[in-house]
PDB file of N, CA and C in Angstrom:
ATOM      1  N   UNK A   1       0.758  -1.015   0.327  1.00  0.00           N
ATOM      2  CA  UNK A   1      -0.214   0.498  -0.009  1.00  0.00           C
ATOM      3  C   UNK A   1       0.872   0.907   0.111  1.00  0.00           C
ATOM      4  N   UNK A   2       2.282   1.253   0.338  1.00  0.00           N
ATOM      5  CA  UNK A   2       2.698   2.604   0.174  1.00  0.00           C
ATOM      6  C   UNK A   2       2.903   2.872  -1.265  1.00  0.00           C
ATOM      7  N   UNK A   3       2.860   2.622  -2.243  1.00  0.00           N
ATOM      8  CA  UNK A   3       2.943   2.969  -3.129  1.00  0.00           C
ATOM      9  C   UNK A   3       1.853   3.341  -4.033  1.00  0.00           C
ATOM     10  N   UNK A   4       0.793   3.164  -2.920  1.00  0.00           N
ATOM     11  CA  UNK A   4      -0.963   3.451  -3.633  1.00  0.00           C
ATOM     12  C   UNK A   4      -1.351   2.336  -4.346  1.00  0.00           C
ATOM     13  N   UNK A   5      -0.646   0.778  -4.219  1.00  0.00           N
ATOM     14  CA  UNK A   5      -1.692   0.008  -4.949  1.00  0.00           C
ATOM     15  C   UNK A   5      -2.301  -0.713  -3.585  1.00  0.00           C
ATOM     16  N   UNK A   6      -3.507  -1.225  -3.263  1.00  0.00           N
ATOM     17  CA  UNK A   6      -3.987  -2.078  -2.376  1.00  0.00           C
ATOM     18  C   UNK A   6      -3.384  -3.747  -2.776  1.00  0.00           C
ATOM     19  N   UNK A   7      -3.894  -4.381  -2.272  1.00  0.00           N
ATOM     20  CA  UNK A   7      -3.380  -5.943  -2.815  1.00  0.00           C
ATOM     21  C   UNK A   7      -4.102  -6.617  -3.924  1.00  0.00           C
ATOM     22  N   UNK A   8      -5.573  -5.996  -3.713  1.00  0.00           N
ATOM     23  CA  UNK A   8      -6.682  -6.498  -4.513  1.00  0.00           C
ATOM     24  C   UNK A   8      -5.844  -5.978  -6.276  1.00  0.00           C
ATOM     25  N   UNK A   9      -5.609  -4.814  -5.817  1.00  0.00           N
ATOM     26  CA  UNK A   9      -4.885  -4.407  -7.317  1.00  0.00           C
ATOM     27  C   UNK A   9      -4.038  -5.373  -8.002  1.00  0.00           C
ATOM     28  N   UNK A  10      -3.074  -5.078  -6.949  1.00  0.00           N
ATOM     29  CA  UNK A  10      -1.831  -6.006  -7.349  1.00  0.00           C
ATOM     30  C   UNK A  10      -2.223  -7.624  -7.948  1.00  0.00           C
ATOM     31  N   UNK A  11      -3.409  -8.329  -7.257  1.00  0.00           N
ATOM     32  CA  UNK A  11      -3.534  -9.688  -7.620  1.00  0.00           C
ATOM     33  C   UNK A  11      -4.502  -9.324  -9.067  1.00  0.00           C
ATOM     34  N   UNK A  12      -5.403  -8.403  -8.837  1.00  0.00           N
ATOM     35  CA  UNK A  12      -5.962  -7.724 -10.591  1.00  0.00           C
ATOM     36  C   UNK A  12      -4.772  -8.073 -11.971  1.00  0.00           C
ATOM     37  N   UNK A  13      -3.642  -7.142 -11.496  1.00  0.00           N
ATOM     38  CA  UNK A  13      -2.462  -6.808 -12.588  1.00  0.00           C
ATOM     39  C   UNK A  13      -1.837  -8.353 -12.366  1.00  0.00           C
ATOM     40  N   UNK A  14      -1.753  -9.084 -11.678  1.00  0.00           N
ATOM     41  CA  UNK A  14      -0.917 -10.143 -12.019  1.00  0.00           C
ATOM     42  C   UNK A  14      -1.717 -11.287 -12.621  1.00  0.00           C
ATOM     43  N   UNK A  15      -3.451 -11.073 -12.541  1.00  0.00           N
ATOM     44  CA  UNK A  15      -4.088 -12.162 -12.936  1.00  0.00           C
ATOM     45  C   UNK A  15      -4.361 -12.224 -14.498  1.00  0.00           C
ATOM     46  N   UNK A  16      -4.304 -10.895 -14.767  1.00  0.00           N
ATOM     47  CA  UNK A  16      -4.719 -10.349 -16.169  1.00  0.00           C
ATOM     48  C   UNK A  16      -3.800 -10.066 -16.979  1.00  0.00           C
ATOM     49  N   UNK A  17      -2.432  -9.999 -16.706  1.00  0.00           N
ATOM     50  CA  UNK A  17      -1.041  -9.469 -17.499  1.00  0.00           C
ATOM     51  C   UNK A  17      -1.464  -8.304 -17.331  1.00  0.00           C
ATOM     52  N   UNK A  18      -2.029  -7.315 -17.358  1.00  0.00           N
ATOM     53  CA  UNK A  18      -1.994  -6.092 -17.969  1.00  0.00           C
ATOM     54  C   UNK A  18      -1.914  -4.980 -16.870  1.00  0.00           C
ATOM     55  N   UNK A  19      -0.905  -3.940 -17.119  1.00  0.00           N
ATOM     56  CA  UNK A  19      -0.609  -3.300 -16.072  1.00  0.00           C
ATOM     57  C   UNK A  19      -2.155  -2.010 -15.629  1.00  0.00           C
ATOM     58  N   UNK A  20      -3.041  -1.609 -16.954  1.00  0.00           N
ATOM     59  CA  UNK A  20      -3.593  -0.499 -16.714  1.00  0.00           C
ATOM     60  C   UNK A  20      -5.032  -1.388 -18.017  1.00  0.00           C
ATOM     61  N   UNK A  21      -6.184  -0.591 -17.462  1.00  0.00           N
ATOM     62  CA  UNK A  21      -7.255  -1.104 -18.568  1.00  0.00           C
ATOM     63  C   UNK A  21      -7.612   0.399 -19.541  1.00  0.00           C
ATOM     64  N   UNK A  22      -7.823  -0.646 -20.738  1.00  0.00           N
ATOM     65  CA  UNK A  22      -8.475   0.485 -21.977  1.00  0.00           C
ATOM     66  C   UNK A  22      -9.671   1.529 -21.053  1.00  0.00           C
ATOM     67  N   UNK A  23      -9.625   2.652 -21.018  1.00  0.00           N
ATOM     68  CA  UNK A  23     -10.510   3.600 -20.253  1.00  0.00           C
ATOM     69  C   UNK A  23     -11.086   4.497 -21.893  1.00  0.00           C
ATOM     70  N   UNK A  24     -12.421   3.931 -22.179  1.00  0.00           N
ATOM     71  CA  UNK A  24     -13.053   4.306 -23.181  1.00  0.00           C
ATOM     72  C   UNK A  24     -14.456   4.425 -22.994  1.00  0.00           C
ATOM     73  N   UNK A  25     -15.539   5.119 -23.739  1.00  0.00           N
ATOM     74  CA  UNK A  25     -16.923   5.017 -23.825  1.00  0.00           C
ATOM     75  C   UNK A  25     -18.151   4.196 -24.668  1.00  0.00           C
ATOM     76  N   UNK A  26     -18.838   3.686 -24.649  1.00  0.00           N
ATOM     77  CA  UNK A  26     -19.465   3.085 -25.398  1.00  0.00           C
ATOM     78  C   UNK A  26     -19.771   4.046 -26.833  1.00  0.00           C
ATOM     79  N   UNK A  27     -20.099   4.950 -26.461  1.00  0.00           N
ATOM     80  CA  UNK A  27     -20.462   5.886 -27.847  1.00  0.00           C
ATOM     81  C   UNK A  27     -19.527   6.995 -28.247  1.00  0.00           C
ATOM     82  N   UNK A  28     -19.353   7.411 -29.586  1.00  0.00           N
ATOM     83  CA  UNK A  28     -18.474   8.734 -29.715  1.00  0.00           C
ATOM     84  C   UNK A  28     -19.136   9.843 -28.657  1.00  0.00           C
ATOM     85  N   UNK A  29     -18.230  11.168 -28.332  1.00  0.00           N
ATOM     86  CA  UNK A  29     -18.335  12.271 -27.968  1.00  0.00           C
ATOM     87  C   UNK A  29     -19.174  11.906 -26.442  1.00  0.00           C
ATOM     88  N   UNK A  30     -19.336  10.757 -26.026  1.00  0.00           N
ATOM     89  CA  UNK A  30     -19.979  10.979 -24.499  1.00  0.00           C
ATOM     90  C   UNK A  30     -18.287  10.783 -23.464  1.00  0.00           C
ATOM     91  N   UNK A  31     -17.147  11.290 -24.253  1.00  0.00           N
ATOM     92  CA  UNK A  31     -16.234  11.892 -23.018  1.00  0.00           C
ATOM     93  C   UNK A  31     -15.726  12.544 -24.169  1.00  0.00           C
ATOM     94  N   UNK A  32     -15.146  13.960 -23.493  1.00  0.00           N
ATOM     95  CA  UNK A  32     -13.864  14.433 -23.954  1.00  0.00           C
ATOM     96  C   UNK A  32     -12.687  14.771 -22.480  1.00  0.00           C
ATOM     97  N   UNK A  33     -11.451  14.590 -23.417  1.00  0.00           N
ATOM     98  CA  UNK A  33     -10.289  14.984 -22.678  1.00  0.00           C
ATOM     99  C   UNK A  33      -9.292  15.729 -23.200  1.00  0.00           C
ATOM    100  N   UNK A  34      -8.614  16.702 -22.312  1.00  0.00           N
ATOM    101  CA  UNK A  34      -7.960  17.795 -23.083  1.00  0.00           C
ATOM    102  C   UNK A  34      -6.976  18.321 -22.230  1.00  0.00           C
ATOM    103  N   UNK A  35      -5.676  18.749 -22.500  1.00  0.00           N
ATOM    104  CA  UNK A  35      -4.675  19.179 -21.931  1.00  0.00           C
ATOM    105  C   UNK A  35      -4.382  20.531 -22.510  1.00  0.00           C
ATOM    106  N   UNK A  36      -4.175  21.310 -21.422  1.00  0.00           N
ATOM    107  CA  UNK A  36      -3.563  22.530 -21.637  1.00  0.00           C
ATOM    108  C   UNK A  36      -2.959  23.273 -20.339  1.00  0.00           C
ATOM    109  N   UNK A  37      -1.849  23.111 -21.197  1.00  0.00           N
ATOM    110  CA  UNK A  37      -0.423  24.220 -20.748  1.00  0.00           C
ATOM    111  C   UNK A  37      -0.479  25.778 -20.732  1.00  0.00           C
ATOM    112  N   UNK A  38      -0.865  26.321 -22.322  1.00  0.00           N
ATOM    113  CA  UNK A  38      -0.821  27.928 -22.416  1.00  0.00           C
ATOM    114  C   UNK A  38      -2.239  28.022 -22.799  1.00  0.00           C
ATOM    115  N   UNK A  39      -2.873  28.820 -22.112  1.00  0.00           N
ATOM    116  CA  UNK A  39      -4.257  29.305 -22.473  1.00  0.00           C
ATOM    117  C   UNK A  39      -4.077  30.535 -23.213  1.00  0.00           C
ATOM    118  N   UNK A  40      -5.877  30.928 -23.945  1.00  0.00           N
ATOM    119  CA  UNK A  40      -5.835  32.373 -24.537  1.00  0.00           C
ATOM    120  C   UNK A  40      -5.494  33.380 -23.595  1.00  0.00           C
ATOM    121  N   UNK A  41      -5.131  34.289 -23.000  1.00  0.00           N
ATOM    122  CA  UNK A  41      -4.739  35.669 -22.242  1.00  0.00           C
ATOM    123  C   UNK A  41      -6.208  36.245 -22.500  1.00  0.00           C
ATOM    124  N   UNK A  42      -7.335  36.589 -21.515  1.00  0.00           N
ATOM    125  CA  UNK A  42      -8.731  36.934 -21.287  1.00  0.00           C
ATOM    126  C   UNK A  42      -8.332  38.345 -20.473  1.00  0.00           C
ATOM    127  N   UNK A  43      -7.925  39.560 -20.761  1.00  0.00           N
ATOM    128  CA  UNK A  43      -7.839  40.633 -20.281  1.00  0.00           C
ATOM    129  C   UNK A  43      -9.246  40.884 -19.653  1.00  0.00           C
ATOM    130  N   UNK A  44      -9.494  41.164 -18.356  1.00  0.00           N
ATOM    131  CA  UNK A  44     -10.546  41.419 -17.486  1.00  0.00           C
ATOM    132  C   UNK A  44     -10.739  42.915 -17.746  1.00  0.00           C
ATOM    133  N   UNK A  45     -11.716  43.307 -17.541  1.00  0.00           N
ATOM    134  CA  UNK A  45     -12.019  45.047 -17.241  1.00  0.00           C
ATOM    135  C   UNK A  45     -12.217  45.504 -16.061  1.00  0.00           C
ATOM    136  N   UNK A  46     -11.740  46.497 -15.486  1.00  0.00           N
ATOM    137  CA  UNK A  46     -11.523  46.603 -14.097  1.00  0.00           C
ATOM    138  C   UNK A  46     -12.807  47.326 -13.856  1.00  0.00           C
ATOM    139  N   UNK A  47     -13.548  46.801 -12.645  1.00  0.00           N
ATOM    140  CA  UNK A  47     -15.443  47.159 -12.080  1.00  0.00           C
ATOM    141  C   UNK A  47     -14.877  49.083 -12.123  1.00  0.00           C
ATOM    142  N   UNK A  48     -15.938  49.621 -12.395  1.00  0.00           N
ATOM    143  CA  UNK A  48     -16.077  50.682 -12.578  1.00  0.00           C
ATOM    144  C   UNK A  48     -17.131  51.341 -11.370  1.00  0.00           C
ATOM    145  N   UNK A  49     -16.348  52.234 -10.611  1.00  0.00           N
ATOM    146  CA  UNK A  49     -17.137  52.277  -9.104  1.00  0.00           C
ATOM    147  C   UNK A  49     -18.147  53.398  -9.312  1.00  0.00           C
TER     148      UNK A  49
END
């Protein structure tokens, strides 16, 4: 457990021979994933008093 895996997970991986399961959805467009490091600059207007 010190590395984040329980004995159940270790048994499952040892029996299947696969370290990770495939992650997918049944139908197209049910899951969207993105990774963004630099985004657009959005200048915010100062509130008028």
